[in-house]
């Protein structure tokens, strides 16, 4: 039996956390702020298949923590 890879899952989703911080700040977050928020956010490692099920239930994929600045820029333009 092969072991399924583990992926980071933010609780609450990183996009939600960043949106909250940006609303509280009242202006766009900087790249340094996004990285700092990511580093302080609650994350758990979970099997990839379970993380995928959660994203499907939620109706959207969270921001990839390895590419959070670029993906946050795209996400905030869509909201």
N, C-alpha and C. Protein backbone atom coordinates (compact mmCIF):
# COMPACT_ATOMS: atom_id res chain seq x y z
N UNK A 1 0.84 -1.17 0.00
CA UNK A 1 0.00 0.00 0.00
C UNK A 1 0.90 1.25 0.00
N UNK A 2 0.63 2.16 -0.94
CA UNK A 2 1.44 3.38 -1.00
C UNK A 2 0.86 4.44 -0.07
N UNK A 3 1.75 5.21 0.48
CA UNK A 3 1.33 6.25 1.41
C UNK A 3 0.91 7.49 0.63
N UNK A 4 -0.26 8.02 0.97
CA UNK A 4 -0.77 9.22 0.30
C UNK A 4 0.00 10.44 0.80
N UNK A 5 0.27 11.38 -0.09
CA UNK A 5 1.03 12.56 0.30
C UNK A 5 0.19 13.47 1.18
N UNK A 6 0.88 14.13 2.09
CA UNK A 6 0.23 15.08 2.99
C UNK A 6 0.37 16.49 2.41
N UNK A 7 -0.68 17.28 2.58
CA UNK A 7 -0.68 18.66 2.08
C UNK A 7 -1.09 19.59 3.22
N UNK A 8 -0.60 20.83 3.20
CA UNK A 8 -1.00 21.78 4.24
C UNK A 8 -2.42 22.30 3.98
N UNK A 9 -3.23 22.33 5.03
CA UNK A 9 -4.60 22.86 4.94
C UNK A 9 -4.75 23.90 6.05
N UNK A 10 -5.05 25.12 5.64
CA UNK A 10 -5.19 26.21 6.61
C UNK A 10 -6.60 26.21 7.19
N UNK A 11 -6.67 26.46 8.51
CA UNK A 11 -7.94 26.49 9.23
C UNK A 11 -8.05 27.80 9.99
N UNK A 12 -8.86 28.74 9.59
CA UNK A 12 -9.68 28.78 8.38
C UNK A 12 -8.80 28.93 7.14
N UNK A 13 -9.41 28.82 5.95
CA UNK A 13 -8.62 28.93 4.72
C UNK A 13 -7.79 30.21 4.69
N UNK A 14 -6.62 30.11 4.11
CA UNK A 14 -5.69 31.24 4.05
C UNK A 14 -6.32 32.44 3.35
N UNK A 15 -7.08 32.21 2.29
CA UNK A 15 -7.73 33.31 1.58
C UNK A 15 -8.67 34.07 2.51
N UNK A 16 -9.39 33.36 3.36
CA UNK A 16 -10.31 33.98 4.32
C UNK A 16 -9.54 34.81 5.34
N UNK A 17 -8.45 34.27 5.83
CA UNK A 17 -7.62 34.97 6.82
C UNK A 17 -7.04 36.26 6.21
N UNK A 18 -6.52 36.16 4.99
CA UNK A 18 -5.94 37.33 4.34
C UNK A 18 -7.01 38.40 4.09
N UNK A 19 -8.19 37.98 3.64
CA UNK A 19 -9.28 38.94 3.40
C UNK A 19 -9.65 39.66 4.69
N UNK A 20 -9.71 38.92 5.78
CA UNK A 20 -10.03 39.52 7.08
C UNK A 20 -9.00 40.59 7.46
N UNK A 21 -7.73 40.24 7.33
CA UNK A 21 -6.66 41.18 7.69
C UNK A 21 -6.68 42.41 6.79
N UNK A 22 -6.97 42.21 5.52
CA UNK A 22 -7.01 43.34 4.61
C UNK A 22 -8.19 44.27 4.94
N UNK A 23 -9.34 43.70 5.28
CA UNK A 23 -10.49 44.53 5.69
C UNK A 23 -10.15 45.31 6.95
N UNK A 24 -9.52 44.65 7.90
CA UNK A 24 -9.15 45.34 9.15
C UNK A 24 -8.14 46.46 8.91
N UNK A 25 -7.20 46.23 8.02
CA UNK A 25 -6.18 47.23 7.71
C UNK A 25 -6.80 48.41 6.94
N UNK A 26 -7.75 48.12 6.08
CA UNK A 26 -8.39 49.17 5.30
C UNK A 26 -7.66 49.53 4.02
N UNK A 27 -6.65 48.75 3.69
CA UNK A 27 -5.89 48.95 2.45
C UNK A 27 -5.24 47.62 2.07
N UNK A 28 -4.76 47.51 0.83
CA UNK A 28 -4.16 46.24 0.41
C UNK A 28 -2.97 45.83 1.28
N UNK A 29 -2.89 44.53 1.51
CA UNK A 29 -1.75 43.98 2.24
C UNK A 29 -0.50 44.04 1.36
N UNK A 30 0.64 44.20 1.99
CA UNK A 30 1.91 44.14 1.27
C UNK A 30 2.34 42.67 1.16
N UNK A 31 3.32 42.43 0.34
CA UNK A 31 3.84 41.06 0.21
C UNK A 31 4.39 40.58 1.55
N UNK A 32 5.12 41.43 2.25
CA UNK A 32 5.66 41.05 3.56
C UNK A 32 4.54 40.71 4.55
N UNK A 33 3.45 41.48 4.52
CA UNK A 33 2.33 41.20 5.42
C UNK A 33 1.67 39.87 5.09
N UNK A 34 1.49 39.58 3.80
CA UNK A 34 0.89 38.31 3.39
C UNK A 34 1.75 37.14 3.86
N UNK A 35 3.06 37.25 3.68
CA UNK A 35 3.98 36.18 4.11
C UNK A 35 3.93 36.01 5.63
N UNK A 36 3.91 37.13 6.35
CA UNK A 36 3.87 37.06 7.83
C UNK A 36 2.56 36.43 8.31
N UNK A 37 1.45 36.81 7.69
CA UNK A 37 0.15 36.24 8.07
C UNK A 37 0.14 34.75 7.79
N UNK A 38 0.65 34.35 6.64
CA UNK A 38 0.73 32.92 6.31
C UNK A 38 1.53 32.18 7.38
N UNK A 39 2.63 32.76 7.80
CA UNK A 39 3.49 32.12 8.79
C UNK A 39 2.88 31.98 10.16
N UNK A 40 1.92 32.84 10.48
CA UNK A 40 1.27 32.81 11.80
C UNK A 40 -0.08 32.10 11.79
N UNK A 41 -0.54 31.69 10.61
CA UNK A 41 -1.86 31.07 10.50
C UNK A 41 -1.83 29.60 10.92
N UNK A 42 -2.97 29.12 11.35
CA UNK A 42 -3.11 27.72 11.78
C UNK A 42 -3.17 26.84 10.54
N UNK A 43 -2.32 25.84 10.51
CA UNK A 43 -2.28 24.91 9.38
C UNK A 43 -2.14 23.50 9.92
N UNK A 44 -2.78 22.58 9.23
CA UNK A 44 -2.60 21.17 9.59
C UNK A 44 -2.29 20.38 8.33
N UNK A 45 -1.54 19.33 8.50
CA UNK A 45 -1.21 18.46 7.38
C UNK A 45 -2.30 17.39 7.27
N UNK A 46 -2.74 17.17 6.03
CA UNK A 46 -3.86 16.27 5.80
C UNK A 46 -3.61 15.50 4.50
N UNK A 47 -4.18 14.33 4.43
CA UNK A 47 -4.06 13.56 3.18
C UNK A 47 -4.63 14.38 2.03
N UNK A 48 -3.96 14.32 0.89
CA UNK A 48 -4.38 15.09 -0.28
C UNK A 48 -5.81 14.83 -0.69
N UNK A 49 -6.26 13.60 -0.62
CA UNK A 49 -7.63 13.28 -1.04
C UNK A 49 -8.66 13.93 -0.12
N UNK A 50 -8.38 14.00 1.16
CA UNK A 50 -9.29 14.64 2.11
C UNK A 50 -9.31 16.14 1.88
N UNK A 51 -8.14 16.73 1.65
CA UNK A 51 -8.06 18.16 1.38
C UNK A 51 -8.84 18.51 0.11
N UNK A 52 -8.76 17.66 -0.89
CA UNK A 52 -9.49 17.88 -2.13
C UNK A 52 -11.00 17.81 -1.89
N UNK A 53 -11.44 16.87 -1.09
CA UNK A 53 -12.87 16.77 -0.75
C UNK A 53 -13.35 18.04 -0.04
N UNK A 54 -12.53 18.55 0.86
CA UNK A 54 -12.90 19.77 1.58
C UNK A 54 -13.04 20.94 0.61
N UNK A 55 -12.11 21.06 -0.33
CA UNK A 55 -12.15 22.15 -1.32
C UNK A 55 -13.40 22.03 -2.20
N UNK A 56 -13.74 20.82 -2.58
CA UNK A 56 -14.93 20.62 -3.40
C UNK A 56 -16.19 20.99 -2.63
N UNK A 57 -16.26 20.60 -1.38
CA UNK A 57 -17.42 20.95 -0.54
C UNK A 57 -17.54 22.46 -0.36
N UNK A 58 -16.40 23.12 -0.17
CA UNK A 58 -16.37 24.57 0.03
C UNK A 58 -16.73 25.29 -1.27
N UNK A 59 -16.38 24.68 -2.40
CA UNK A 59 -16.68 25.28 -3.69
C UNK A 59 -15.54 26.08 -4.30
N UNK A 60 -14.40 26.11 -3.65
CA UNK A 60 -13.23 26.81 -4.17
C UNK A 60 -11.97 26.30 -3.50
N UNK A 61 -10.87 26.43 -4.23
CA UNK A 61 -9.56 26.02 -3.70
C UNK A 61 -8.94 27.18 -2.94
N UNK A 62 -8.28 26.85 -1.86
CA UNK A 62 -7.58 27.87 -1.09
C UNK A 62 -6.30 28.28 -1.82
N UNK A 63 -5.71 29.33 -1.35
CA UNK A 63 -4.45 29.82 -1.88
C UNK A 63 -3.33 28.83 -1.56
N UNK A 64 -2.47 28.60 -2.54
CA UNK A 64 -1.30 27.74 -2.34
C UNK A 64 -0.29 28.50 -1.47
N UNK A 65 0.07 27.97 -0.31
CA UNK A 65 0.98 28.69 0.57
C UNK A 65 2.36 28.94 -0.04
N UNK A 66 2.77 28.13 -1.00
CA UNK A 66 4.07 28.33 -1.64
C UNK A 66 4.03 29.47 -2.66
N UNK A 67 2.85 29.85 -3.09
CA UNK A 67 2.68 30.90 -4.10
C UNK A 67 1.65 31.91 -3.60
N UNK A 68 1.64 32.16 -2.29
CA UNK A 68 0.55 32.91 -1.68
C UNK A 68 0.46 34.36 -2.15
N UNK A 69 1.57 35.04 -2.38
CA UNK A 69 1.50 36.43 -2.79
C UNK A 69 0.81 36.57 -4.15
N UNK A 70 1.26 35.79 -5.13
CA UNK A 70 0.69 35.88 -6.47
C UNK A 70 -0.78 35.45 -6.47
N UNK A 71 -1.08 34.36 -5.78
CA UNK A 71 -2.45 33.87 -5.75
C UNK A 71 -3.37 34.82 -4.97
N UNK A 72 -2.84 35.47 -3.94
CA UNK A 72 -3.65 36.44 -3.20
C UNK A 72 -4.00 37.63 -4.11
N UNK A 73 -3.05 38.07 -4.93
CA UNK A 73 -3.32 39.17 -5.85
C UNK A 73 -4.45 38.80 -6.81
N UNK A 74 -4.45 37.58 -7.29
CA UNK A 74 -5.52 37.12 -8.20
C UNK A 74 -6.84 36.99 -7.45
N UNK A 75 -6.82 36.42 -6.26
CA UNK A 75 -8.03 36.19 -5.49
C UNK A 75 -8.70 37.51 -5.12
N UNK A 76 -7.94 38.49 -4.73
CA UNK A 76 -8.54 39.75 -4.29
C UNK A 76 -9.13 40.52 -5.47
N UNK A 77 -8.66 40.30 -6.69
CA UNK A 77 -9.24 40.94 -7.86
C UNK A 77 -10.59 40.29 -8.23
N UNK A 78 -10.75 39.02 -7.86
CA UNK A 78 -11.98 38.29 -8.19
C UNK A 78 -13.10 38.54 -7.20
N UNK A 79 -12.78 39.09 -6.02
CA UNK A 79 -13.83 39.28 -5.02
C UNK A 79 -14.45 40.65 -5.09
